[in-house]
Amino acid sequence: MKEEDISRIIEMAWEDRTPFDAIEASYGLNQGQVEKLMRDNLTKSSFIMWRKRARGRKTKHLGLREFSVGRHHSYDQHKYKK
């Protein structure tokens, strides 16, 4: 996997409103694979902080969301890469 793809997956995983299903649709990685990627690419303390934040967060899991329509866009989500 290319470095910029890994970077974008990590960015998406940190975003509160980007569900794991969106990462899977874009990159083909399920939640377990995203967790492994995060574990392999973050420091231990950063991974623990991320995992604690992501677990149980309604917006990260489509099945727990109270809404089905609508999406938040990060201010730099569509930034151009050189």
PDB file of N, CA and C in Angstrom:
ATOM      1  N   MET A   1       0.851  -1.175   0.000  1.00  0.00           N
ATOM      2  CA  MET A   1       0.000   0.000   0.000  1.00  0.00           C
ATOM      3  C   MET A   1       0.900   1.243   0.000  1.00  0.00           C
ATOM      4  N   LYS A   2       0.504   2.248  -0.775  1.00  0.00           N
ATOM      5  CA  LYS A   2       1.307   3.466  -0.876  1.00  0.00           C
ATOM      6  C   LYS A   2       1.233   4.281   0.415  1.00  0.00           C
ATOM      7  N   GLU A   3       2.300   5.015   0.672  1.00  0.00           N
ATOM      8  CA  GLU A   3       2.395   5.825   1.892  1.00  0.00           C
ATOM      9  C   GLU A   3       1.259   6.851   1.988  1.00  0.00           C
ATOM     10  N   GLU A   4       0.885   7.457   0.855  1.00  0.00           N
ATOM     11  CA  GLU A   4      -0.194   8.453   0.906  1.00  0.00           C
ATOM     12  C   GLU A   4      -1.542   7.792   1.205  1.00  0.00           C
ATOM     13  N   ASP A   5      -1.739   6.541   0.787  1.00  0.00           N
ATOM     14  CA  ASP A   5      -2.963   5.820   1.131  1.00  0.00           C
ATOM     15  C   ASP A   5      -3.011   5.515   2.625  1.00  0.00           C
ATOM     16  N   ILE A   6      -1.891   5.085   3.168  1.00  0.00           N
ATOM     17  CA  ILE A   6      -1.819   4.818   4.608  1.00  0.00           C
ATOM     18  C   ILE A   6      -2.098   6.098   5.386  1.00  0.00           C
ATOM     19  N   SER A   7      -1.499   7.194   4.939  1.00  0.00           N
ATOM     20  CA  SER A   7      -1.709   8.476   5.603  1.00  0.00           C
ATOM     21  C   SER A   7      -3.183   8.873   5.569  1.00  0.00           C
ATOM     22  N   ARG A   8      -3.835   8.695   4.443  1.00  0.00           N
ATOM     23  CA  ARG A   8      -5.255   9.066   4.322  1.00  0.00           C
ATOM     24  C   ARG A   8      -6.136   8.155   5.166  1.00  0.00           C
ATOM     25  N   ILE A   9      -5.827   6.876   5.219  1.00  0.00           N
ATOM     26  CA  ILE A   9      -6.600   5.953   6.063  1.00  0.00           C
ATOM     27  C   ILE A   9      -6.479   6.351   7.524  1.00  0.00           C
ATOM     28  N   ILE A  10      -5.268   6.684   7.957  1.00  0.00           N
ATOM     29  CA  ILE A  10      -5.066   7.124   9.345  1.00  0.00           C
ATOM     30  C   ILE A  10      -5.859   8.397   9.603  1.00  0.00           C
ATOM     31  N   GLU A  11      -5.827   9.324   8.657  1.00  0.00           N
ATOM     32  CA  GLU A  11      -6.589  10.569   8.792  1.00  0.00           C
ATOM     33  C   GLU A  11      -8.081  10.277   8.902  1.00  0.00           C
ATOM     34  N   MET A  12      -8.584   9.401   8.050  1.00  0.00           N
ATOM     35  CA  MET A  12     -10.005   9.045   8.090  1.00  0.00           C
ATOM     36  C   MET A  12     -10.355   8.345   9.399  1.00  0.00           C
ATOM     37  N   ALA A  13      -9.467   7.506   9.893  1.00  0.00           N
ATOM     38  CA  ALA A  13      -9.729   6.781  11.141  1.00  0.00           C
ATOM     39  C   ALA A  13      -9.799   7.739  12.330  1.00  0.00           C
ATOM     40  N   TRP A  14      -9.008   8.795  12.311  1.00  0.00           N
ATOM     41  CA  TRP A  14      -9.029   9.778  13.402  1.00  0.00           C
ATOM     42  C   TRP A  14     -10.262  10.674  13.337  1.00  0.00           C
ATOM     43  N   GLU A  15     -10.820  10.875  12.143  1.00  0.00           N
ATOM     44  CA  GLU A  15     -11.992  11.733  12.001  1.00  0.00           C
ATOM     45  C   GLU A  15     -13.196  11.082  12.689  1.00  0.00           C
ATOM     46  N   ASP A  16     -13.836  11.826  13.556  1.00  0.00           N
ATOM     47  CA  ASP A  16     -14.954  11.274  14.321  1.00  0.00           C
ATOM     48  C   ASP A  16     -16.135  10.872  13.447  1.00  0.00           C
ATOM     49  N   ARG A  17     -16.405  11.601  12.404  1.00  0.00           N
ATOM     50  CA  ARG A  17     -17.612  11.365  11.612  1.00  0.00           C
ATOM     51  C   ARG A  17     -17.389  10.476  10.397  1.00  0.00           C
ATOM     52  N   THR A  18     -16.203   9.937  10.224  1.00  0.00           N
ATOM     53  CA  THR A  18     -15.955   9.019   9.113  1.00  0.00           C
ATOM     54  C   THR A  18     -16.099   7.593   9.627  1.00  0.00           C
ATOM     55  N   PRO A  19     -17.150   6.887   9.221  1.00  0.00           N
ATOM     56  CA  PRO A  19     -17.359   5.526   9.723  1.00  0.00           C
ATOM     57  C   PRO A  19     -16.365   4.534   9.107  1.00  0.00           C
ATOM     58  N   PHE A  20     -16.159   3.446   9.799  1.00  0.00           N
ATOM     59  CA  PHE A  20     -15.283   2.395   9.284  1.00  0.00           C
ATOM     60  C   PHE A  20     -15.786   1.880   7.941  1.00  0.00           C
ATOM     61  N   ASP A  21     -17.096   1.919   7.741  1.00  0.00           N
ATOM     62  CA  ASP A  21     -17.668   1.460   6.478  1.00  0.00           C
ATOM     63  C   ASP A  21     -17.188   2.318   5.304  1.00  0.00           C
ATOM     64  N   ALA A  22     -16.976   3.605   5.525  1.00  0.00           N
ATOM     65  CA  ALA A  22     -16.474   4.487   4.469  1.00  0.00           C
ATOM     66  C   ALA A  22     -15.031   4.131   4.119  1.00  0.00           C
ATOM     67  N   ILE A  23     -14.252   3.787   5.130  1.00  0.00           N
ATOM     68  CA  ILE A  23     -12.870   3.371   4.879  1.00  0.00           C
ATOM     69  C   ILE A  23     -12.866   2.059   4.098  1.00  0.00           C
ATOM     70  N   GLU A  24     -13.755   1.160   4.475  1.00  0.00           N
ATOM     71  CA  GLU A  24     -13.835  -0.113   3.765  1.00  0.00           C
ATOM     72  C   GLU A  24     -14.260   0.095   2.310  1.00  0.00           C
ATOM     73  N   ALA A  25     -15.215   0.987   2.077  1.00  0.00           N
ATOM     74  CA  ALA A  25     -15.673   1.250   0.718  1.00  0.00           C
ATOM     75  C   ALA A  25     -14.568   1.885  -0.132  1.00  0.00           C
ATOM     76  N   SER A  26     -13.758   2.738   0.484  1.00  0.00           N
ATOM     77  CA  SER A  26     -12.706   3.442  -0.256  1.00  0.00           C
ATOM     78  C   SER A  26     -11.444   2.621  -0.441  1.00  0.00           C
ATOM     79  N   TYR A  27     -11.068   1.863   0.594  1.00  0.00           N
ATOM     80  CA  TYR A  27      -9.774   1.182   0.577  1.00  0.00           C
ATOM     81  C   TYR A  27      -9.845  -0.335   0.753  1.00  0.00           C
ATOM     82  N   GLY A  28     -11.042  -0.871   1.009  1.00  0.00           N
ATOM     83  CA  GLY A  28     -11.197  -2.312   1.136  1.00  0.00           C
ATOM     84  C   GLY A  28     -10.715  -2.889   2.454  1.00  0.00           C
ATOM     85  N   LEU A  29     -10.528  -2.044   3.469  1.00  0.00           N
ATOM     86  CA  LEU A  29     -10.075  -2.517   4.779  1.00  0.00           C
ATOM     87  C   LEU A  29     -11.237  -2.504   5.755  1.00  0.00           C
ATOM     88  N   ASN A  30     -11.493  -3.637   6.399  1.00  0.00           N
ATOM     89  CA  ASN A  30     -12.547  -3.669   7.407  1.00  0.00           C
ATOM     90  C   ASN A  30     -12.022  -3.078   8.712  1.00  0.00           C
ATOM     91  N   GLN A  31     -12.864  -3.010   9.731  1.00  0.00           N
ATOM     92  CA  GLN A  31     -12.488  -2.379  10.993  1.00  0.00           C
ATOM     93  C   GLN A  31     -11.260  -3.038  11.615  1.00  0.00           C
ATOM     94  N   GLY A  32     -11.198  -4.343  11.607  1.00  0.00           N
ATOM     95  CA  GLY A  32     -10.055  -5.053  12.174  1.00  0.00           C
ATOM     96  C   GLY A  32      -8.762  -4.738  11.439  1.00  0.00           C
ATOM     97  N   GLN A  33      -8.840  -4.636  10.131  1.00  0.00           N
ATOM     98  CA  GLN A  33      -7.656  -4.313   9.342  1.00  0.00           C
ATOM     99  C   GLN A  33      -7.218  -2.862   9.575  1.00  0.00           C
ATOM    100  N   VAL A  34      -8.191  -1.967   9.761  1.00  0.00           N
ATOM    101  CA  VAL A  34      -7.856  -0.573  10.077  1.00  0.00           C
ATOM    102  C   VAL A  34      -7.168  -0.516  11.436  1.00  0.00           C
ATOM    103  N   GLU A  35      -7.675  -1.260  12.404  1.00  0.00           N
ATOM    104  CA  GLU A  35      -7.046  -1.287  13.726  1.00  0.00           C
ATOM    105  C   GLU A  35      -5.616  -1.813  13.637  1.00  0.00           C
ATOM    106  N   LYS A  36      -5.386  -2.834  12.824  1.00  0.00           N
ATOM    107  CA  LYS A  36      -4.029  -3.361  12.659  1.00  0.00           C
ATOM    108  C   LYS A  36      -3.123  -2.326  11.996  1.00  0.00           C
ATOM    109  N   LEU A  37      -3.632  -1.646  10.971  1.00  0.00           N
ATOM    110  CA  LEU A  37      -2.858  -0.598  10.307  1.00  0.00           C
ATOM    111  C   LEU A  37      -2.504   0.509  11.296  1.00  0.00           C
ATOM    112  N   MET A  38      -3.463   0.902  12.116  1.00  0.00           N
ATOM    113  CA  MET A  38      -3.213   1.949  13.117  1.00  0.00           C
ATOM    114  C   MET A  38      -2.177   1.464  14.132  1.00  0.00           C
ATOM    115  N   ARG A  39      -2.289   0.233  14.586  1.00  0.00           N
ATOM    116  CA  ARG A  39      -1.342  -0.321  15.554  1.00  0.00           C
ATOM    117  C   ARG A  39       0.075  -0.339  14.974  1.00  0.00           C
ATOM    118  N   ASP A  40       0.186  -0.682  13.696  1.00  0.00           N
ATOM    119  CA  ASP A  40       1.495  -0.791  13.050  1.00  0.00           C
ATOM    120  C   ASP A  40       2.124   0.561  12.717  1.00  0.00           C
ATOM    121  N   ASN A  41       1.307   1.619  12.605  1.00  0.00           N
ATOM    122  CA  ASN A  41       1.819   2.902  12.129  1.00  0.00           C
ATOM    123  C   ASN A  41       1.786   4.028  13.150  1.00  0.00           C
ATOM    124  N   LEU A  42       1.217   3.790  14.315  1.00  0.00           N
ATOM    125  CA  LEU A  42       1.190   4.802  15.364  1.00  0.00           C
ATOM    126  C   LEU A  42       2.057   4.355  16.534  1.00  0.00           C
ATOM    127  N   THR A  43       2.453   5.314  17.345  1.00  0.00           N
ATOM    128  CA  THR A  43       3.134   4.939  18.581  1.00  0.00           C
ATOM    129  C   THR A  43       2.126   4.225  19.469  1.00  0.00           C
ATOM    130  N   LYS A  44       2.599   3.501  20.441  1.00  0.00           N
ATOM    131  CA  LYS A  44       1.709   2.736  21.312  1.00  0.00           C
ATOM    132  C   LYS A  44       0.714   3.653  22.021  1.00  0.00           C
ATOM    133  N   SER A  45       1.197   4.772  22.547  1.00  0.00           N
ATOM    134  CA  SER A  45       0.296   5.674  23.275  1.00  0.00           C
ATOM    135  C   SER A  45      -0.736   6.307  22.340  1.00  0.00           C
ATOM    136  N   SER A  46      -0.334   6.653  21.124  1.00  0.00           N
ATOM    137  CA  SER A  46      -1.281   7.225  20.153  1.00  0.00           C
ATOM    138  C   SER A  46      -2.323   6.191  19.753  1.00  0.00           C
ATOM    139  N   PHE A  47      -1.893   4.947  19.556  1.00  0.00           N
ATOM    140  CA  PHE A  47      -2.839   3.896  19.198  1.00  0.00           C
ATOM    141  C   PHE A  47      -3.855   3.674  20.312  1.00  0.00           C
ATOM    142  N   ILE A  48      -3.390   3.618  21.545  1.00  0.00           N
ATOM    143  CA  ILE A  48      -4.302   3.419  22.680  1.00  0.00           C
ATOM    144  C   ILE A  48      -5.296   4.565  22.781  1.00  0.00           C
ATOM    145  N   MET A  49      -4.819   5.805  22.583  1.00  0.00           N
ATOM    146  CA  MET A  49      -5.697   6.968  22.636  1.00  0.00           C
ATOM    147  C   MET A  49      -6.736   6.904  21.509  1.00  0.00           C
ATOM    148  N   TRP A  50      -6.305   6.526  20.294  1.00  0.00           N
ATOM    149  CA  TRP A  50      -7.228   6.424  19.173  1.00  0.00           C
ATOM    150  C   TRP A  50      -8.259   5.325  19.409  1.00  0.00           C
ATOM    151  N   ARG A  51      -7.796   4.169  19.858  1.00  0.00           N
ATOM    152  CA  ARG A  51      -8.709   3.038  20.055  1.00  0.00           C
ATOM    153  C   ARG A  51      -9.757   3.371  21.111  1.00  0.00           C
ATOM    154  N   LYS A  52      -9.335   4.012  22.181  1.00  0.00           N
ATOM    155  CA  LYS A  52     -10.275   4.406  23.227  1.00  0.00           C
ATOM    156  C   LYS A  52     -11.304   5.389  22.667  1.00  0.00           C
ATOM    157  N   ARG A  53     -10.840   6.285  21.817  1.00  0.00           N
ATOM    158  CA  ARG A  53     -11.717   7.285  21.224  1.00  0.00           C
ATOM    159  C   ARG A  53     -12.695   6.661  20.219  1.00  0.00           C
ATOM    160  N   ALA A  54     -12.224   5.713  19.413  1.00  0.00           N
ATOM    161  CA  ALA A  54     -13.039   5.134  18.348  1.00  0.00           C
ATOM    162  C   ALA A  54     -14.032   4.091  18.846  1.00  0.00           C
ATOM    163  N   ARG A  55     -13.698   3.369  19.887  1.00  0.00           N
ATOM    164  CA  ARG A  55     -14.585   2.309  20.391  1.00  0.00           C
ATOM    165  C   ARG A  55     -15.888   2.888  20.907  1.00  0.00           C
ATOM    166  N   GLY A  56     -16.962   2.407  20.388  1.00  0.00           N
ATOM    167  CA  GLY A  56     -18.270   2.806  20.882  1.00  0.00           C
ATOM    168  C   GLY A  56     -18.744   4.165  20.399  1.00  0.00           C
ATOM    169  N   ARG A  57     -17.916   4.883  19.661  1.00  0.00           N
ATOM    170  CA  ARG A  57     -18.333   6.191  19.142  1.00  0.00           C
ATOM    171  C   ARG A  57     -19.392   5.958  18.071  1.00  0.00           C
ATOM    172  N   LYS A  58     -20.561   6.526  18.278  1.00  0.00           N
ATOM    173  CA  LYS A  58     -21.691   6.270  17.373  1.00  0.00           C
ATOM    174  C   LYS A  58     -21.383   6.654  15.932  1.00  0.00           C
ATOM    175  N   THR A  59     -20.627   7.704  15.746  1.00  0.00           N
ATOM    176  CA  THR A  59     -20.377   8.177  14.390  1.00  0.00           C
ATOM    177  C   THR A  59     -19.389   7.302  13.631  1.00  0.00           C
ATOM    178  N   LYS A  60     -18.628   6.451  14.316  1.00  0.00           N
ATOM    179  CA  LYS A  60     -17.666   5.574  13.651  1.00  0.00           C
ATOM    180  C   LYS A  60     -18.306   4.265  13.199  1.00  0.00           C
ATOM    181  N   HIS A  61     -19.497   3.979  13.674  1.00  0.00           N
ATOM    182  CA  HIS A  61     -20.172   2.720  13.380  1.00  0.00           C
ATOM    183  C   HIS A  61     -21.565   3.024  12.831  1.00  0.00           C
ATOM    184  N   LEU A  62     -21.789   2.718  11.567  1.00  0.00           N
ATOM    185  CA  LEU A  62     -23.083   3.042  10.942  1.00  0.00           C
ATOM    186  C   LEU A  62     -24.260   2.439  11.693  1.00  0.00           C
ATOM    187  N   GLY A  63     -24.088   1.261  12.253  1.00  0.00           N
ATOM    188  CA  GLY A  63     -25.175   0.612  12.978  1.00  0.00           C
ATOM    189  C   GLY A  63     -25.563   1.332  14.260  1.00  0.00           C
ATOM    190  N   LEU A  64     -24.660   2.136  14.821  1.00  0.00           N
ATOM    191  CA  LEU A  64     -24.946   2.864  16.058  1.00  0.00           C
ATOM    192  C   LEU A  64     -25.425   4.292  15.803  1.00  0.00           C
ATOM    193  N   ARG A  65     -25.321   4.749  14.571  1.00  0.00           N
ATOM    194  CA  ARG A  65     -25.704   6.128  14.258  1.00  0.00           C
ATOM    195  C   ARG A  65     -27.193   6.333  14.426  1.00  0.00           C
ATOM    196  N   GLU A  66     -27.537   7.536  14.873  1.00  0.00           N
ATOM    197  CA  GLU A  66     -28.946   7.885  15.020  1.00  0.00           C
ATOM    198  C   GLU A  66     -29.482   8.517  13.746  1.00  0.00           C
ATOM    199  N   PHE A  67     -28.620   8.810  12.789  1.00  0.00           N
ATOM    200  CA  PHE A  67     -29.038   9.408  11.530  1.00  0.00           C
ATOM    201  C   PHE A  67     -28.477   8.578  10.389  1.00  0.00           C
ATOM    202  N   SER A  68     -29.110   8.651   9.241  1.00  0.00           N
ATOM    203  CA  SER A  68     -28.627   7.855   8.119  1.00  0.00           C
ATOM    204  C   SER A  68     -28.223   8.716   6.930  1.00  0.00           C
ATOM    205  N   VAL A  69     -28.653   9.956   6.910  1.00  0.00           N
ATOM    206  CA  VAL A  69     -28.341  10.848   5.808  1.00  0.00           C
ATOM    207  C   VAL A  69     -27.488  11.988   6.330  1.00  0.00           C
ATOM    208  N   GLY A  70     -26.592  12.441   5.501  1.00  0.00           N
ATOM    209  CA  GLY A  70     -25.753  13.564   5.896  1.00  0.00           C
ATOM    210  C   GLY A  70     -24.342  13.109   6.161  1.00  0.00           C
ATOM    211  N   ARG A  71     -23.443  14.046   5.973  1.00  0.00           N
ATOM    212  CA  ARG A  71     -22.043  13.709   6.107  1.00  0.00           C
ATOM    213  C   ARG A  71     -21.257  14.956   6.432  1.00  0.00           C
ATOM    214  N   HIS A  72     -20.300  14.852   7.278  1.00  0.00           N
ATOM    215  CA  HIS A  72     -19.434  15.969   7.632  1.00  0.00           C
ATOM    216  C   HIS A  72     -18.204  15.934   6.742  1.00  0.00           C
ATOM    217  N   HIS A  73     -17.781  17.089   6.253  1.00  0.00           N
ATOM    218  CA  HIS A  73     -16.561  17.175   5.468  1.00  0.00           C
ATOM    219  C   HIS A  73     -15.530  17.965   6.257  1.00  0.00           C
ATOM    220  N   SER A  74     -14.382  17.387   6.447  1.00  0.00           N
ATOM    221  CA  SER A  74     -13.278  18.076   7.093  1.00  0.00           C
ATOM    222  C   SER A  74     -12.835  19.229   6.202  1.00  0.00           C
ATOM    223  N   TYR A  75     -12.300  20.294   6.791  1.00  0.00           N
ATOM    224  CA  TYR A  75     -11.887  21.450   6.005  1.00  0.00           C
ATOM    225  C   TYR A  75     -10.818  21.091   4.978  1.00  0.00           C
ATOM    226  N   ASP A  76     -10.037  20.061   5.219  1.00  0.00           N
ATOM    227  CA  ASP A  76      -8.969  19.703   4.281  1.00  0.00           C
ATOM    228  C   ASP A  76      -9.203  18.346   3.609  1.00  0.00           C
ATOM    229  N   GLN A  77     -10.430  17.884   3.616  1.00  0.00           N
ATOM    230  CA  GLN A  77     -10.728  16.570   3.064  1.00  0.00           C
ATOM    231  C   GLN A  77     -10.449  16.497   1.563  1.00  0.00           C
ATOM    232  N   HIS A  78     -10.649  17.582   0.867  1.00  0.00           N
ATOM    233  CA  HIS A  78     -10.468  17.569  -0.575  1.00  0.00           C
ATOM    234  C   HIS A  78      -9.208  18.316  -0.995  1.00  0.00           C
ATOM    235  N   LYS A  79      -8.235  18.337  -0.117  1.00  0.00           N
ATOM    236  CA  LYS A  79      -6.995  19.039  -0.446  1.00  0.00           C
ATOM    237  C   LYS A  79      -6.266  18.326  -1.582  1.00  0.00           C
ATOM    238  N   TYR A  80      -5.551  19.080  -2.343  1.00  0.00           N
ATOM    239  CA  TYR A  80      -4.811  18.521  -3.471  1.00  0.00           C
ATOM    240  C   TYR A  80      -3.422  18.122  -3.015  1.00  0.00           C
ATOM    241  N   LYS A  81      -2.995  16.958  -3.447  1.00  0.00           N
ATOM    242  CA  LYS A  81      -1.672  16.457  -3.093  1.00  0.00           C
ATOM    243  C   LYS A  81      -0.757  16.593  -4.290  1.00  0.00           C
ATOM    244  N   LYS A  82       0.441  17.002  -4.029  1.00  0.00           N
ATOM    245  CA  LYS A  82       1.410  17.156  -5.103  1.00  0.00           C
ATOM    246  C   LYS A  82       2.337  15.989  -5.153  1.00  0.00           C
TER     247      LYS A  82
END
